[in-house]
Amino acid sequence: MVSIDYRKSKAGYDNCFELNFNEIEIIPYKYYKNGKYGASLRFFVDVLRKADMLIGKEEYEELIWCRMYPCHFDDIPFTMTYDIDYDTISFSVEPENCRYREKIAEKLISLIENQL
């Protein structure tokens, strides 16, 4: 149902991943009431907030093409990045925390599946 696409960062570290799933089947309708654009962002912010994994109320750093949300899991910091142009979500850990990437991805999958 949800698959993980592990990939390297532009710097060459194995510290990034995306979660692939059929958004229409998984993301509840309430996140689409303002249109499809941004529904995945609203969904992930809500899921991470409920799991107390989002740092701050809804703080993010906005760059020209993305918003970066600081998150944590078991005291391991990670970042959720929302690509504004492509309406996509990806996640990354710092290079020194690469060994926790799979653990974080599996936790996110379980949170998504619990929404069903």
N, C-alpha and C. Protein backbone atom coordinates (compact mmCIF):
# COMPACT_ATOMS: atom_id res chain seq x y z
N MET A 1 0.82 -1.18 0.00
CA MET A 1 0.00 0.00 0.00
C MET A 1 0.88 1.27 0.00
N VAL A 2 1.84 1.34 0.92
CA VAL A 2 2.77 2.46 0.97
C VAL A 2 4.17 1.89 0.75
N SER A 3 4.89 2.46 -0.20
CA SER A 3 6.26 2.01 -0.44
C SER A 3 7.23 3.14 -0.15
N ILE A 4 8.46 2.77 0.10
CA ILE A 4 9.50 3.73 0.42
C ILE A 4 10.47 3.81 -0.75
N ASP A 5 10.77 5.01 -1.16
CA ASP A 5 11.75 5.24 -2.22
C ASP A 5 12.95 5.93 -1.58
N TYR A 6 13.99 5.13 -1.26
CA TYR A 6 15.20 5.69 -0.67
C TYR A 6 16.06 6.27 -1.78
N ARG A 7 16.70 7.38 -1.49
CA ARG A 7 17.56 7.99 -2.50
C ARG A 7 18.67 8.80 -1.84
N LYS A 8 19.60 9.19 -2.66
CA LYS A 8 20.72 10.00 -2.18
C LYS A 8 20.39 11.48 -2.31
N SER A 9 20.99 12.25 -1.43
CA SER A 9 20.86 13.71 -1.55
C SER A 9 21.78 14.19 -2.67
N LYS A 10 21.65 15.44 -3.02
CA LYS A 10 22.52 15.99 -4.06
C LYS A 10 23.98 15.99 -3.62
N ALA A 11 24.20 15.94 -2.31
CA ALA A 11 25.57 15.89 -1.78
C ALA A 11 26.12 14.46 -1.79
N GLY A 12 25.27 13.48 -2.14
CA GLY A 12 25.73 12.10 -2.24
C GLY A 12 25.48 11.24 -1.01
N TYR A 13 24.79 11.77 0.00
CA TYR A 13 24.50 10.99 1.20
C TYR A 13 23.23 10.16 1.01
N ASP A 14 23.20 8.97 1.60
CA ASP A 14 21.99 8.14 1.59
C ASP A 14 21.07 8.56 2.72
N ASN A 15 20.55 9.76 2.65
CA ASN A 15 19.78 10.27 3.78
C ASN A 15 18.38 10.76 3.43
N CYS A 16 17.90 10.50 2.23
CA CYS A 16 16.60 10.99 1.80
C CYS A 16 15.65 9.84 1.47
N PHE A 17 14.36 10.11 1.58
CA PHE A 17 13.37 9.14 1.15
C PHE A 17 12.04 9.83 0.88
N GLU A 18 11.23 9.15 0.08
CA GLU A 18 9.86 9.57 -0.19
C GLU A 18 8.95 8.39 0.09
N LEU A 19 7.73 8.69 0.45
CA LEU A 19 6.73 7.64 0.65
C LEU A 19 5.79 7.70 -0.54
N ASN A 20 5.64 6.58 -1.21
CA ASN A 20 4.80 6.51 -2.40
C ASN A 20 3.52 5.75 -2.10
N PHE A 21 2.40 6.38 -2.43
CA PHE A 21 1.10 5.75 -2.23
C PHE A 21 0.07 6.48 -3.08
N ASN A 22 -1.06 5.85 -3.26
CA ASN A 22 -2.16 6.46 -4.00
C ASN A 22 -2.84 7.45 -3.07
N GLU A 23 -2.62 8.74 -3.30
CA GLU A 23 -3.13 9.77 -2.40
C GLU A 23 -4.65 9.72 -2.25
N ILE A 24 -5.35 9.48 -3.32
CA ILE A 24 -6.82 9.46 -3.29
C ILE A 24 -7.31 8.35 -2.37
N GLU A 25 -6.62 7.21 -2.34
CA GLU A 25 -7.03 6.08 -1.49
C GLU A 25 -6.68 6.29 -0.03
N ILE A 26 -5.65 7.06 0.27
CA ILE A 26 -5.16 7.17 1.64
C ILE A 26 -5.50 8.49 2.31
N ILE A 27 -5.35 9.59 1.62
CA ILE A 27 -5.59 10.89 2.24
C ILE A 27 -7.09 11.15 2.31
N PRO A 28 -7.61 11.38 3.53
CA PRO A 28 -9.06 11.63 3.68
C PRO A 28 -9.53 12.85 2.92
N TYR A 29 -10.79 12.82 2.56
CA TYR A 29 -11.40 13.88 1.75
C TYR A 29 -11.26 15.26 2.38
N LYS A 30 -11.30 15.36 3.70
CA LYS A 30 -11.26 16.68 4.36
C LYS A 30 -10.02 17.49 3.99
N TYR A 31 -8.93 16.81 3.59
CA TYR A 31 -7.71 17.53 3.19
C TYR A 31 -7.80 18.07 1.77
N TYR A 32 -8.81 17.65 1.02
CA TYR A 32 -8.99 18.10 -0.36
C TYR A 32 -10.02 19.22 -0.49
N LYS A 33 -10.64 19.63 0.61
CA LYS A 33 -11.73 20.61 0.49
C LYS A 33 -11.28 21.95 -0.09
N ASN A 34 -9.99 22.27 0.02
CA ASN A 34 -9.46 23.49 -0.62
C ASN A 34 -8.81 23.19 -1.97
N GLY A 35 -9.05 22.00 -2.48
CA GLY A 35 -8.47 21.59 -3.76
C GLY A 35 -7.36 20.58 -3.55
N LYS A 36 -6.95 19.93 -4.63
CA LYS A 36 -5.92 18.89 -4.54
C LYS A 36 -4.57 19.46 -4.17
N TYR A 37 -4.24 20.64 -4.68
CA TYR A 37 -2.94 21.24 -4.42
C TYR A 37 -2.77 21.49 -2.92
N GLY A 38 -1.74 20.89 -2.33
CA GLY A 38 -1.46 21.07 -0.91
C GLY A 38 -2.13 20.06 0.00
N ALA A 39 -2.95 19.16 -0.54
CA ALA A 39 -3.64 18.17 0.30
C ALA A 39 -2.64 17.27 1.02
N SER A 40 -1.59 16.82 0.33
CA SER A 40 -0.61 15.95 0.98
C SER A 40 0.13 16.70 2.09
N LEU A 41 0.41 17.98 1.87
CA LEU A 41 1.06 18.77 2.91
C LEU A 41 0.16 18.88 4.14
N ARG A 42 -1.10 19.24 3.94
CA ARG A 42 -2.03 19.35 5.06
C ARG A 42 -2.15 18.02 5.80
N PHE A 43 -2.19 16.92 5.05
CA PHE A 43 -2.30 15.60 5.65
C PHE A 43 -1.07 15.27 6.50
N PHE A 44 0.13 15.44 5.94
CA PHE A 44 1.34 15.10 6.69
C PHE A 44 1.55 16.00 7.90
N VAL A 45 1.26 17.29 7.78
CA VAL A 45 1.39 18.19 8.93
C VAL A 45 0.46 17.72 10.04
N ASP A 46 -0.75 17.36 9.69
CA ASP A 46 -1.71 16.89 10.69
C ASP A 46 -1.26 15.58 11.33
N VAL A 47 -0.81 14.63 10.53
CA VAL A 47 -0.35 13.33 11.04
C VAL A 47 0.86 13.53 11.96
N LEU A 48 1.82 14.33 11.54
CA LEU A 48 3.01 14.56 12.36
C LEU A 48 2.67 15.33 13.64
N ARG A 49 1.76 16.26 13.56
CA ARG A 49 1.35 17.01 14.75
C ARG A 49 0.68 16.08 15.76
N LYS A 50 -0.24 15.24 15.30
CA LYS A 50 -0.94 14.30 16.19
C LYS A 50 0.04 13.34 16.86
N ALA A 51 1.10 12.96 16.15
CA ALA A 51 2.10 12.02 16.70
C ALA A 51 3.17 12.75 17.50
N ASP A 52 3.03 14.06 17.65
CA ASP A 52 4.00 14.89 18.37
C ASP A 52 5.40 14.76 17.78
N MET A 53 5.47 14.70 16.46
CA MET A 53 6.74 14.60 15.76
C MET A 53 7.13 15.89 15.06
N LEU A 54 6.21 16.83 15.00
CA LEU A 54 6.47 18.12 14.37
C LEU A 54 7.03 19.06 15.43
N ILE A 55 8.16 19.66 15.15
CA ILE A 55 8.78 20.58 16.10
C ILE A 55 8.10 21.94 15.96
N GLY A 56 7.63 22.48 17.06
CA GLY A 56 6.90 23.74 17.02
C GLY A 56 5.46 23.51 16.61
N LYS A 57 4.67 24.57 16.67
CA LYS A 57 3.25 24.44 16.33
C LYS A 57 3.07 24.08 14.86
N GLU A 58 3.67 24.84 14.01
CA GLU A 58 3.71 24.53 12.57
C GLU A 58 4.78 25.41 11.96
N GLU A 59 5.97 25.32 12.52
CA GLU A 59 7.07 26.14 12.07
C GLU A 59 7.72 25.51 10.84
N TYR A 60 8.15 26.36 9.93
CA TYR A 60 8.88 25.88 8.77
C TYR A 60 9.77 26.98 8.25
N GLU A 61 10.76 26.55 7.51
CA GLU A 61 11.64 27.49 6.83
C GLU A 61 11.22 27.51 5.38
N GLU A 62 10.91 28.67 4.86
CA GLU A 62 10.45 28.75 3.47
C GLU A 62 11.58 29.26 2.59
N LEU A 63 11.86 28.49 1.57
CA LEU A 63 12.83 28.89 0.55
C LEU A 63 12.03 29.21 -0.71
N ILE A 64 12.69 29.51 -1.78
CA ILE A 64 12.00 29.88 -3.01
C ILE A 64 11.10 28.75 -3.51
N TRP A 65 11.58 27.52 -3.45
CA TRP A 65 10.86 26.41 -4.06
C TRP A 65 10.31 25.41 -3.05
N CYS A 66 10.58 25.59 -1.74
CA CYS A 66 10.13 24.58 -0.80
C CYS A 66 9.90 25.15 0.60
N ARG A 67 9.21 24.35 1.39
CA ARG A 67 9.06 24.59 2.83
C ARG A 67 9.68 23.41 3.54
N MET A 68 10.50 23.70 4.53
CA MET A 68 11.18 22.64 5.28
C MET A 68 10.68 22.65 6.72
N TYR A 69 10.06 21.54 7.12
CA TYR A 69 9.47 21.41 8.45
C TYR A 69 10.40 20.58 9.33
N PRO A 70 10.87 21.13 10.45
CA PRO A 70 11.71 20.34 11.36
C PRO A 70 10.84 19.36 12.15
N CYS A 71 11.31 18.12 12.21
CA CYS A 71 10.58 17.04 12.89
C CYS A 71 11.55 16.24 13.76
N HIS A 72 11.00 15.33 14.55
CA HIS A 72 11.84 14.44 15.35
C HIS A 72 11.11 13.13 15.59
N PHE A 73 11.88 12.08 15.80
CA PHE A 73 11.36 10.77 16.19
C PHE A 73 12.39 10.14 17.11
N ASP A 74 11.99 9.83 18.34
CA ASP A 74 12.91 9.28 19.34
C ASP A 74 14.18 10.12 19.44
N ASP A 75 14.04 11.40 19.52
CA ASP A 75 15.16 12.35 19.63
C ASP A 75 16.07 12.37 18.40
N ILE A 76 15.60 11.82 17.30
CA ILE A 76 16.35 11.87 16.05
C ILE A 76 15.72 12.94 15.17
N PRO A 77 16.44 14.01 14.89
CA PRO A 77 15.85 15.05 14.05
C PRO A 77 15.80 14.62 12.58
N PHE A 78 14.73 15.03 11.92
CA PHE A 78 14.62 14.84 10.48
C PHE A 78 13.81 16.00 9.92
N THR A 79 13.79 16.10 8.61
CA THR A 79 13.12 17.22 7.95
C THR A 79 12.10 16.69 6.94
N MET A 80 10.92 17.27 6.97
CA MET A 80 9.93 17.03 5.93
C MET A 80 10.01 18.23 5.00
N THR A 81 10.22 17.97 3.71
CA THR A 81 10.33 19.04 2.73
C THR A 81 9.15 18.99 1.77
N TYR A 82 8.46 20.10 1.67
CA TYR A 82 7.34 20.23 0.74
C TYR A 82 7.80 21.04 -0.46
N ASP A 83 7.80 20.42 -1.63
CA ASP A 83 8.18 21.10 -2.86
C ASP A 83 6.97 21.87 -3.37
N ILE A 84 7.04 23.18 -3.31
CA ILE A 84 5.92 24.04 -3.66
C ILE A 84 5.56 23.92 -5.14
N ASP A 85 6.56 23.83 -6.01
CA ASP A 85 6.30 23.76 -7.45
C ASP A 85 5.64 22.45 -7.87
N TYR A 86 6.10 21.33 -7.31
CA TYR A 86 5.62 20.02 -7.73
C TYR A 86 4.61 19.41 -6.78
N ASP A 87 4.31 20.08 -5.65
CA ASP A 87 3.33 19.59 -4.69
C ASP A 87 3.69 18.18 -4.21
N THR A 88 4.96 18.00 -3.83
CA THR A 88 5.43 16.69 -3.36
C THR A 88 6.08 16.84 -1.99
N ILE A 89 6.13 15.72 -1.27
CA ILE A 89 6.73 15.66 0.06
C ILE A 89 7.90 14.70 0.02
N SER A 90 9.00 15.08 0.66
CA SER A 90 10.13 14.17 0.85
C SER A 90 10.66 14.38 2.26
N PHE A 91 11.47 13.44 2.70
CA PHE A 91 12.02 13.47 4.05
C PHE A 91 13.52 13.26 3.98
N SER A 92 14.22 13.80 4.98
CA SER A 92 15.66 13.61 5.04
C SER A 92 16.13 13.67 6.48
N VAL A 93 17.25 13.01 6.73
CA VAL A 93 17.93 13.07 8.02
C VAL A 93 19.31 13.67 7.76
N GLU A 94 19.92 14.15 8.82
CA GLU A 94 21.28 14.65 8.69
C GLU A 94 22.20 13.47 8.34
N PRO A 95 23.29 13.70 7.63
CA PRO A 95 24.18 12.60 7.24
C PRO A 95 24.63 11.71 8.41
N GLU A 96 24.84 12.30 9.58
CA GLU A 96 25.28 11.49 10.72
C GLU A 96 24.15 10.60 11.28
N ASN A 97 22.92 10.82 10.83
CA ASN A 97 21.79 10.01 11.28
C ASN A 97 21.24 9.09 10.19
N CYS A 98 22.01 8.85 9.14
CA CYS A 98 21.56 8.01 8.03
C CYS A 98 21.09 6.64 8.48
N ARG A 99 21.71 6.10 9.51
CA ARG A 99 21.35 4.76 9.98
C ARG A 99 19.92 4.70 10.53
N TYR A 100 19.31 5.86 10.82
CA TYR A 100 17.95 5.90 11.35
C TYR A 100 16.89 6.15 10.28
N ARG A 101 17.31 6.32 9.07
CA ARG A 101 16.39 6.66 7.99
C ARG A 101 15.28 5.62 7.84
N GLU A 102 15.63 4.35 7.85
CA GLU A 102 14.63 3.29 7.70
C GLU A 102 13.66 3.27 8.86
N LYS A 103 14.16 3.49 10.07
CA LYS A 103 13.32 3.50 11.27
C LYS A 103 12.27 4.62 11.17
N ILE A 104 12.70 5.78 10.75
CA ILE A 104 11.79 6.92 10.59
C ILE A 104 10.77 6.64 9.49
N ALA A 105 11.21 6.10 8.37
CA ALA A 105 10.30 5.80 7.26
C ALA A 105 9.25 4.78 7.69
N GLU A 106 9.66 3.74 8.41
CA GLU A 106 8.70 2.73 8.87
C GLU A 106 7.69 3.31 9.85
N LYS A 107 8.14 4.21 10.71
CA LYS A 107 7.23 4.87 11.65
C LYS A 107 6.21 5.71 10.89
N LEU A 108 6.66 6.45 9.89
CA LEU A 108 5.74 7.26 9.10
C LEU A 108 4.72 6.40 8.36
N ILE A 109 5.15 5.26 7.85
CA ILE A 109 4.21 4.35 7.19
C ILE A 109 3.16 3.87 8.17
N SER A 110 3.58 3.50 9.38
CA SER A 110 2.59 3.03 10.36
C SER A 110 1.61 4.15 10.73
N LEU A 111 2.09 5.39 10.82
CA LEU A 111 1.18 6.51 11.10
C LEU A 111 0.18 6.71 9.97
N ILE A 112 0.66 6.61 8.72
CA ILE A 112 -0.24 6.76 7.57
C ILE A 112 -1.27 5.65 7.56
N GLU A 113 -0.83 4.42 7.75
CA GLU A 113 -1.75 3.29 7.70
C GLU A 113 -2.76 3.32 8.84
N ASN A 114 -2.41 3.92 9.96
CA ASN A 114 -3.34 4.06 11.07
C ASN A 114 -4.44 5.08 10.78
N GLN A 115 -4.23 5.90 9.77
CA GLN A 115 -5.24 6.87 9.36
C GLN A 115 -6.38 6.24 8.56
N LEU A 116 -6.14 5.02 8.07
CA LEU A 116 -7.15 4.35 7.23
C LEU A 116 -8.29 3.82 8.03
